[in-house]
Protein backbone atom coordinates (compact mmCIF):
# COMPACT_ATOMS: atom_id res chain seq x y z
CA MET A 1 -7.45 3.07 16.62
CA LYS A 2 -6.35 5.11 19.62
CA ASN A 3 -4.10 4.03 22.45
CA THR A 4 -7.03 4.60 24.79
CA ASP A 5 -8.76 1.70 23.01
CA ILE A 6 -6.18 -0.63 24.59
CA GLU A 7 -7.81 -1.85 27.78
CA ASP A 8 -4.81 -3.81 29.06
CA PRO A 9 -2.80 -1.20 31.04
CA LEU A 10 0.50 -3.06 30.64
CA PHE A 11 0.12 -3.41 26.87
CA ARG A 12 -0.95 0.23 26.63
CA SER A 13 2.03 1.41 28.66
CA ALA A 14 4.35 -0.48 26.29
CA VAL A 15 2.69 1.13 23.25
CA ASP A 16 3.00 4.55 24.91
CA ALA A 17 6.70 3.87 25.44
CA ILE A 18 7.08 2.98 21.75
CA ASP A 19 5.31 6.16 20.68
CA GLY A 20 7.38 8.25 23.08
CA GLY A 21 10.70 6.65 22.19
CA ASP A 22 11.19 5.81 25.86
CA VAL A 23 13.77 3.02 25.73
CA ALA A 24 14.17 2.85 29.51
CA ALA A 25 10.45 2.49 30.16
CA LEU A 26 9.99 -0.07 27.40
CA THR A 27 12.98 -2.09 28.58
CA ALA A 28 11.72 -2.07 32.17
CA THR A 29 8.23 -3.13 31.13
CA LEU A 30 9.48 -5.98 28.94
CA THR A 31 11.94 -7.14 31.58
CA THR A 32 9.15 -7.42 34.13
CA HIS A 33 6.55 -8.66 31.67
CA PRO A 34 8.31 -10.54 28.83
CA GLU A 35 5.00 -12.12 27.87
CA LEU A 36 3.95 -8.84 26.26
CA VAL A 37 5.93 -9.64 23.09
CA GLN A 38 3.94 -12.88 22.78
CA LYS A 39 0.52 -11.36 23.43
CA ARG A 40 -1.89 -9.98 20.88
CA PHE A 41 -4.12 -7.06 21.73
CA HIS A 42 -7.71 -8.21 21.17
CA TYR A 43 -8.93 -5.89 18.42
CA PRO A 44 -11.33 -7.87 16.22
CA ASP A 45 -12.51 -4.87 14.19
CA GLY A 46 -9.02 -3.78 13.20
CA GLY A 47 -9.15 -4.95 9.59
CA TYR A 48 -5.56 -5.53 8.49
CA PHE A 49 -4.55 -4.51 12.05
CA LYS A 50 -6.74 -7.13 13.69
CA ASP A 51 -5.39 -8.43 17.02
CA PRO A 52 -1.95 -6.81 16.68
CA TYR A 53 1.28 -7.84 18.35
CA LEU A 54 3.24 -5.17 20.19
CA LEU A 55 5.91 -5.09 17.46
CA TRP A 56 3.38 -4.03 14.87
CA PHE A 57 2.92 -0.67 16.58
CA VAL A 58 6.36 0.57 15.49
CA ALA A 59 5.02 1.30 11.99
CA ASP A 60 2.17 3.65 12.99
CA ASN A 61 0.13 1.88 10.32
CA PRO A 62 -2.78 2.37 10.63
CA ILE A 63 -2.00 5.93 11.62
CA ARG A 64 -2.49 6.64 15.31
CA THR A 65 -0.16 9.59 15.92
CA GLY A 66 1.13 10.52 12.46
CA LYS A 67 4.69 10.60 13.73
CA LEU A 68 7.44 8.34 15.01
CA PRO A 69 10.03 9.06 17.71
CA ALA A 70 13.51 9.98 16.50
CA ASN A 71 14.86 6.72 17.92
CA ILE A 72 12.20 4.46 16.39
CA VAL A 73 14.89 2.30 14.75
CA GLU A 74 16.45 1.66 18.17
CA ILE A 75 13.01 0.94 19.61
CA THR A 76 12.29 -1.47 16.78
CA GLY A 77 15.61 -3.22 17.26
CA LEU A 78 14.89 -3.65 20.97
CA LEU A 79 11.49 -5.18 20.25
CA VAL A 80 12.83 -7.43 17.50
CA LYS A 81 15.43 -8.85 19.87
CA GLU A 82 12.79 -9.51 22.52
CA VAL A 83 10.46 -11.15 20.03
CA LYS A 84 13.16 -13.46 18.71
CA ASP A 85 14.24 -14.37 22.24
CA LYS A 86 10.85 -14.63 23.95
CA ALA A 87 8.39 -15.46 21.15
CA PRO A 88 10.26 -17.72 18.68
CA GLU A 89 7.08 -19.53 17.63
CA SER A 90 5.52 -16.32 16.24
CA ALA A 91 8.70 -14.39 15.46
CA GLN A 92 8.67 -14.98 11.70
CA HIS A 93 5.07 -13.91 11.35
CA GLN A 94 5.65 -10.86 13.53
CA LEU A 95 8.70 -9.81 11.53
CA ASP A 96 7.11 -10.38 8.13
CA TYR A 97 3.91 -8.55 9.00
CA THR A 98 5.76 -5.64 10.59
CA LEU A 99 7.84 -5.34 7.43
CA GLY A 100 4.66 -5.13 5.38
CA LEU A 101 3.24 -2.43 7.66
CA VAL A 102 6.45 -0.38 7.47
CA ALA A 103 6.80 -0.73 3.70
CA SER A 104 3.19 0.17 2.98
CA GLY A 105 2.85 2.87 5.63
CA ARG A 106 3.00 6.61 5.26
CA THR A 107 4.42 7.65 8.61
CA SER A 108 7.74 5.81 8.35
CA ARG A 109 8.26 7.32 4.90
CA GLU A 110 7.42 10.85 6.01
CA CYS A 111 9.71 10.51 9.03
CA GLY A 112 12.59 9.43 6.79
CA VAL A 113 13.14 6.06 8.46
CA GLN A 114 11.29 3.67 6.16
CA ILE A 115 14.33 2.23 4.39
CA GLU A 116 16.33 1.92 7.61
CA MET A 117 13.46 0.08 9.29
CA ILE A 118 13.06 -2.19 6.27
CA ASP A 119 16.74 -3.09 6.43
CA LEU A 120 16.60 -3.75 10.17
CA LEU A 121 13.65 -6.12 9.79
CA ILE A 122 15.09 -7.97 6.79
CA ASP A 123 18.46 -8.29 8.52
CA ALA A 124 16.59 -9.77 11.48
CA GLY A 125 15.02 -12.41 9.25
CA ALA A 126 11.89 -10.86 7.73
CA THR A 127 11.14 -12.09 4.22
CA PRO A 128 11.27 -9.28 1.64
CA GLY A 129 7.95 -8.90 -0.12
CA GLY A 130 7.56 -8.08 -3.77
CA GLY A 131 6.73 -4.42 -3.17
CA MET A 132 3.11 -4.50 -4.26
CA GLY A 133 1.80 -3.27 -0.91
CA ALA A 134 4.35 -0.46 -0.88
CA LEU A 135 3.45 0.62 -4.41
CA ALA A 136 -0.27 0.49 -3.71
CA HIS A 137 0.33 3.24 -1.16
CA GLY A 138 2.74 5.36 -3.19
CA ASN A 139 5.93 4.12 -1.53
CA ILE A 140 8.09 3.76 -4.63
CA ALA A 141 11.47 3.90 -2.87
CA ALA A 142 10.35 1.22 -0.41
CA ALA A 143 9.28 -1.05 -3.26
CA GLN A 144 12.58 -0.54 -5.07
CA HIS A 145 14.45 -1.37 -1.89
CA LEU A 146 12.45 -4.52 -1.23
CA ILE A 147 13.28 -5.78 -4.71
CA SER A 148 16.95 -4.92 -4.20
CA ARG A 149 16.88 -6.92 -0.96
CA GLY A 150 15.55 -10.03 -2.68
CA GLY A 151 11.81 -9.47 -3.05
CA LYS A 152 10.13 -11.30 -5.92
CA LEU A 153 9.67 -9.11 -8.97
CA THR A 154 6.23 -9.31 -10.56
CA LEU A 155 4.99 -7.78 -13.79
CA ALA A 156 2.96 -5.10 -11.99
CA VAL A 157 5.91 -4.07 -9.84
CA ALA A 158 8.22 -3.97 -12.86
CA VAL A 159 5.69 -1.73 -14.59
CA CYS A 160 5.50 0.67 -11.64
CA LEU A 161 9.27 0.85 -11.35
CA ASP A 162 9.77 1.42 -15.12
CA MET A 163 11.88 -1.73 -15.44
CA MET A 164 11.19 -2.17 -19.14
CA ASP A 165 13.62 -5.03 -19.70
CA ASP A 166 11.88 -6.97 -16.94
CA VAL A 167 8.44 -6.00 -18.23
CA GLY A 168 9.36 -7.44 -21.61
CA ARG A 169 10.73 -10.57 -19.96
CA LEU A 170 7.76 -11.17 -17.65
CA LEU A 171 4.87 -10.21 -19.93
CA PRO A 172 4.82 -13.23 -22.30
CA ALA A 173 4.33 -15.73 -19.48
CA ALA A 174 2.00 -13.52 -17.42
CA SER A 175 -1.56 -14.71 -16.81
CA PRO A 176 -4.53 -12.51 -17.81
CA ALA A 177 -4.92 -11.60 -14.12
CA GLU A 178 -1.28 -10.57 -13.84
CA ARG A 179 -1.58 -8.50 -17.01
CA LEU A 180 -4.68 -6.77 -15.67
CA ALA A 181 -2.89 -6.06 -12.39
CA ALA A 182 -0.03 -4.50 -14.33
CA LEU A 183 -2.38 -2.31 -16.35
CA THR A 184 -4.17 -1.23 -13.19
CA ALA A 185 -0.87 -0.34 -11.54
CA ALA A 186 0.23 1.67 -14.57
CA ALA A 187 -3.09 3.52 -14.49
CA PHE A 188 -2.74 4.26 -10.77
CA TYR A 189 0.60 5.93 -11.43
CA GLY A 190 -0.59 7.68 -14.60
CA LYS A 191 2.02 6.01 -16.81
CA ALA A 192 0.78 6.79 -20.31
CA ASP A 193 3.70 5.19 -22.15
CA MET A 194 3.33 1.98 -20.16
CA ILE A 195 -0.43 1.96 -20.74
CA LEU A 196 0.17 2.29 -24.46
CA PHE A 197 2.69 -0.54 -24.41
CA LEU A 198 0.46 -2.91 -22.44
CA LEU A 199 -2.61 -2.18 -24.53
CA GLY A 200 -0.50 -2.73 -27.62
CA GLN A 201 0.45 -6.15 -26.27
CA GLY A 202 -3.22 -7.09 -26.05
CA VAL A 203 -3.84 -6.48 -22.36
CA GLU A 204 -7.58 -6.08 -21.81
CA PRO A 205 -8.65 -2.81 -20.13
CA ASN A 206 -11.63 -4.19 -18.23
CA GLY A 207 -11.99 -6.22 -15.07
CA TYR A 208 -10.81 -6.24 -11.46
CA PRO A 209 -7.28 -7.48 -10.67
CA GLU A 210 -8.42 -9.90 -7.98
CA SER A 211 -5.80 -12.60 -8.47
CA GLY A 212 -2.31 -12.96 -9.81
CA GLY A 213 -0.94 -10.34 -7.43
CA GLY A 214 -3.81 -7.91 -7.75
CA PHE A 215 -3.23 -4.17 -7.43
CA HIS A 216 -6.08 -2.24 -5.78
CA GLN A 217 -8.38 -5.17 -6.34
CA HIS A 218 -11.62 -3.27 -5.79
CA ALA A 219 -11.45 -1.13 -8.93
CA THR A 220 -10.79 -1.23 -12.65
CA PRO A 221 -7.86 0.35 -14.50
CA LEU A 222 -10.13 3.22 -15.55
CA HIS A 223 -11.00 4.00 -11.92
CA GLN A 224 -7.30 4.12 -11.11
CA ALA A 225 -6.58 6.29 -14.14
CA VAL A 226 -9.13 8.79 -12.85
CA TYR A 227 -7.48 8.69 -9.42
CA SER A 228 -4.10 9.44 -11.01
CA GLY A 229 -5.48 12.71 -12.38
CA SER A 230 -4.12 11.97 -15.85
CA LEU A 231 -6.60 12.83 -18.59
CA GLU A 232 -4.22 11.29 -21.12
CA VAL A 233 -4.32 7.90 -19.40
CA VAL A 234 -8.09 8.09 -18.95
CA LYS A 235 -8.49 8.74 -22.68
CA LEU A 236 -6.18 5.88 -23.63
CA LEU A 237 -8.24 3.41 -21.63
CA VAL A 238 -11.59 4.78 -22.78
CA GLU A 239 -10.48 4.62 -26.40
CA ALA A 240 -9.36 1.02 -25.80
CA GLY A 241 -12.89 0.11 -24.71
CA ALA A 242 -12.83 0.59 -20.93
CA ASN A 243 -16.28 0.23 -19.37
CA LEU A 244 -17.58 3.62 -18.26
CA ASP A 245 -20.30 2.05 -16.12
CA ALA A 246 -18.11 -0.31 -14.09
CA LYS A 247 -18.51 0.19 -10.34
CA ASP A 248 -15.80 -0.20 -7.76
CA LYS A 249 -16.39 -2.94 -5.20
CA VAL A 250 -16.18 -0.79 -2.09
CA TYR A 251 -18.28 2.31 -2.73
CA GLU A 252 -19.99 1.21 -5.97
CA GLY A 253 -18.79 4.30 -7.72
CA THR A 254 -18.25 4.58 -11.47
CA PRO A 255 -15.13 6.22 -12.90
CA LEU A 256 -17.19 9.39 -13.37
CA GLY A 257 -18.30 9.13 -9.76
CA TRP A 258 -14.66 8.97 -8.69
CA ALA A 259 -13.83 12.04 -10.75
CA GLU A 260 -16.72 13.95 -9.19
CA TYR A 261 -15.93 12.84 -5.63
CA ALA A 262 -12.14 13.27 -5.64
CA PRO A 263 -12.17 17.11 -5.43
CA THR A 264 -14.17 16.89 -2.19
CA GLU A 265 -11.37 14.99 -0.44
CA GLU A 266 -8.75 16.76 1.64
CA GLY A 267 -5.25 17.23 0.33
CA TYR A 268 -5.97 18.33 -3.23
CA ASP A 269 -5.03 21.82 -4.37
CA GLU A 270 -6.93 23.85 -6.94
CA VAL A 271 -4.80 22.57 -9.81
CA ALA A 272 -5.60 18.95 -8.92
CA LYS A 273 -9.29 19.75 -8.50
CA GLU A 274 -9.33 21.31 -11.96
CA ARG A 275 -7.76 18.16 -13.43
CA PHE A 276 -10.52 16.04 -11.90
CA ALA A 277 -13.15 18.46 -13.23
CA VAL A 278 -11.72 18.14 -16.75
CA ILE A 279 -11.70 14.34 -16.47
CA ALA A 280 -15.30 14.35 -15.23
CA SER A 281 -16.36 16.54 -18.14
CA TYR A 282 -14.62 14.23 -20.61
CA LEU A 283 -16.28 11.12 -19.14
CA ARG A 284 -19.73 12.76 -19.27
CA ASP A 285 -19.22 13.73 -22.89
CA GLU A 286 -17.96 10.25 -23.76
CA ALA A 287 -20.93 8.61 -22.05
CA ALA A 288 -23.33 10.91 -23.90
CA SER A 289 -21.60 10.17 -27.18
CA ARG A 290 -21.86 6.42 -26.64
CA GLY A 291 -25.52 6.79 -25.73
CA LYS A 292 -26.27 8.38 -29.08
CA LYS A 293 -24.74 5.55 -31.07
């Protein structure tokens, strides 16, 4: 979304003050219009950002500007105080959801304030999550910090953070769905040793981790292995019986389709594109080989 999508001029001016790090303007607006910290901007098509509160905008998640003001922690603290004072009935939800947006977002990490914002929100009463959302978006340090601040450790998170003692402790009691989520997470991060361990413990390589703390619930471990760019991990899953024809639940792409599409996305250098090309070639050969049997 863009700030120009915000039709309410008062709400938009407050968001502009957040983006600009203008403490004086934000303070003046909230002093005159304290109801703004209680209101939700009507944005029904926002997906996970549907009908946001003003506090949610501190995370820049979804990305609107791709940057945060240097004093975003001060801005966040100001808003948190106002929310707790003026909107106590929704304060817990606002704090918890903002924490999730900060921990899973890219902008706060790239601006070097993600951990500080996480601490501010938890100190204000936000409940630490288990780190799954952070890990699903590549925010490893944020996930580690959430666990250190009391977030619940799950098998998938332990796998991503290479906490082998905890993996061994949690695996025996884990449900099939939790085991699949862990395998999917390991594939996403290209963790060959962890993939080998989980497969050796009887974790099935097929399916969608839709429950039990699912990790990227729309795709199979093999899809995520392709995304990681690790041919070794792709081979491990294929050799364990991963379904080459499985389609993801968003774009209906097969693992081969992902390997063919990935190089067309922005952000990949020539080395990464070559890795995807090698993976695509391997999957084509494997499919052809299976077709001959």
